[in-house]
């Protein structure tokens, strides 16, 4: 179950980034140059991973 939750978390990162790029493409705005360094620690990707992992685990624990 842990392996499946890790894979689900990785899939959440991939899908989340694709959706983010699509939304960013259609709703893009010009940001200051300082904003380009804000994601240097990959906070969004880490958040998406743990969201996917916890969602998978919670779903399996609540449904079964």
C-alpha atoms as a PDB file:
ATOM      1  CA  UNK A   1       0.000   0.000   0.000  1.00  0.00           C
ATOM      2  CA  UNK A   2       2.918   2.369   0.676  1.00  0.00           C
ATOM      3  CA  UNK A   3       4.356   1.755  -2.804  1.00  0.00           C
ATOM      4  CA  UNK A   4       0.984   2.492  -4.383  1.00  0.00           C
ATOM      5  CA  UNK A   5       0.654   5.695  -2.357  1.00  0.00           C
ATOM      6  CA  UNK A   6       4.141   6.808  -3.457  1.00  0.00           C
ATOM      7  CA  UNK A   7       3.252   6.121  -7.092  1.00  0.00           C
ATOM      8  CA  UNK A   8      -0.037   7.997  -6.643  1.00  0.00           C
ATOM      9  CA  UNK A   9       1.928  10.902  -5.139  1.00  0.00           C
ATOM     10  CA  UNK A  10       4.294  10.964  -8.128  1.00  0.00           C
ATOM     11  CA  UNK A  11       1.325  10.871 -10.501  1.00  0.00           C
ATOM     12  CA  UNK A  12      -0.163  13.816  -8.571  1.00  0.00           C
ATOM     13  CA  UNK A  13       3.052  15.785  -9.142  1.00  0.00           C
ATOM     14  CA  UNK A  14       3.007  15.080 -12.886  1.00  0.00           C
ATOM     15  CA  UNK A  15      -0.693  15.851 -13.350  1.00  0.00           C
ATOM     16  CA  UNK A  16      -0.481  18.906 -11.071  1.00  0.00           C
ATOM     17  CA  UNK A  17       2.433  20.349 -13.034  1.00  0.00           C
ATOM     18  CA  UNK A  18       0.694  19.763 -16.362  1.00  0.00           C
ATOM     19  CA  UNK A  19      -2.466  21.455 -15.096  1.00  0.00           C
ATOM     20  CA  UNK A  20      -0.366  24.289 -13.642  1.00  0.00           C
ATOM     21  CA  UNK A  21       1.398  24.879 -16.954  1.00  0.00           C
ATOM     22  CA  UNK A  22      -1.897  24.880 -18.868  1.00  0.00           C
ATOM     23  CA  UNK A  23      -3.552  27.293 -16.443  1.00  0.00           C
ATOM     24  CA  UNK A  24      -0.414  29.446 -16.385  1.00  0.00           C
ATOM     25  CA  UNK A  25      -0.376  29.566 -20.169  1.00  0.00           C
ATOM     26  CA  UNK A  26      -3.930  30.844 -20.428  1.00  0.00           C
ATOM     27  CA  UNK A  27      -3.880  33.096 -17.355  1.00  0.00           C
ATOM     28  CA  UNK A  28      -0.285  34.283 -17.425  1.00  0.00           C
ATOM     29  CA  UNK A  29       0.702  37.668 -16.062  1.00  0.00           C
ATOM     30  CA  UNK A  30       4.042  39.443 -15.982  1.00  0.00           C
ATOM     31  CA  UNK A  31       5.691  38.935 -12.606  1.00  0.00           C
ATOM     32  CA  UNK A  32       8.785  40.660 -11.231  1.00  0.00           C
ATOM     33  CA  UNK A  33      12.123  38.887 -11.667  1.00  0.00           C
ATOM     34  CA  UNK A  34      12.316  38.203  -7.923  1.00  0.00           C
ATOM     35  CA  UNK A  35       9.391  35.765  -8.295  1.00  0.00           C
ATOM     36  CA  UNK A  36      11.512  33.417 -10.437  1.00  0.00           C
ATOM     37  CA  UNK A  37      13.504  32.306  -7.359  1.00  0.00           C
ATOM     38  CA  UNK A  38      10.483  31.527  -5.191  1.00  0.00           C
ATOM     39  CA  UNK A  39      10.183  27.877  -6.249  1.00  0.00           C
ATOM     40  CA  UNK A  40      13.846  26.974  -5.801  1.00  0.00           C
ATOM     41  CA  UNK A  41      12.943  24.505  -3.026  1.00  0.00           C
ATOM     42  CA  UNK A  42      10.199  22.782  -5.093  1.00  0.00           C
ATOM     43  CA  UNK A  43       7.506  23.513  -2.504  1.00  0.00           C
ATOM     44  CA  UNK A  44       4.657  23.009  -4.982  1.00  0.00           C
ATOM     45  CA  UNK A  45       5.957  19.596  -6.071  1.00  0.00           C
ATOM     46  CA  UNK A  46       6.485  18.446  -2.478  1.00  0.00           C
ATOM     47  CA  UNK A  47       2.986  19.630  -1.551  1.00  0.00           C
ATOM     48  CA  UNK A  48       1.466  17.812  -4.531  1.00  0.00           C
ATOM     49  CA  UNK A  49       3.340  14.618  -3.656  1.00  0.00           C
ATOM     50  CA  UNK A  50       2.183  14.542  -0.051  1.00  0.00           C
ATOM     51  CA  UNK A  51      -1.347  15.532  -1.069  1.00  0.00           C
ATOM     52  CA  UNK A  52      -1.519  12.609  -3.472  1.00  0.00           C
ATOM     53  CA  UNK A  53       0.074  10.181  -1.021  1.00  0.00           C
ATOM     54  CA  UNK A  54      -2.161  11.156   1.892  1.00  0.00           C
ATOM     55  CA  UNK A  55      -5.267  11.170  -0.320  1.00  0.00           C
ATOM     56  CA  UNK A  56      -4.495   7.645  -1.522  1.00  0.00           C
ATOM     57  CA  UNK A  57      -3.850   6.348   1.989  1.00  0.00           C
ATOM     58  CA  UNK A  58      -6.935   8.038   3.436  1.00  0.00           C
ATOM     59  CA  UNK A  59      -9.141   6.716   0.637  1.00  0.00           C
ATOM     60  CA  UNK A  60      -7.892   3.163   1.116  1.00  0.00           C
ATOM     61  CA  UNK A  61      -8.253   3.313   4.884  1.00  0.00           C
ATOM     62  CA  UNK A  62     -11.754   4.816   4.796  1.00  0.00           C
ATOM     63  CA  UNK A  63     -13.183   2.660   2.003  1.00  0.00           C
ATOM     64  CA  UNK A  64     -11.826  -0.711   3.137  1.00  0.00           C
END
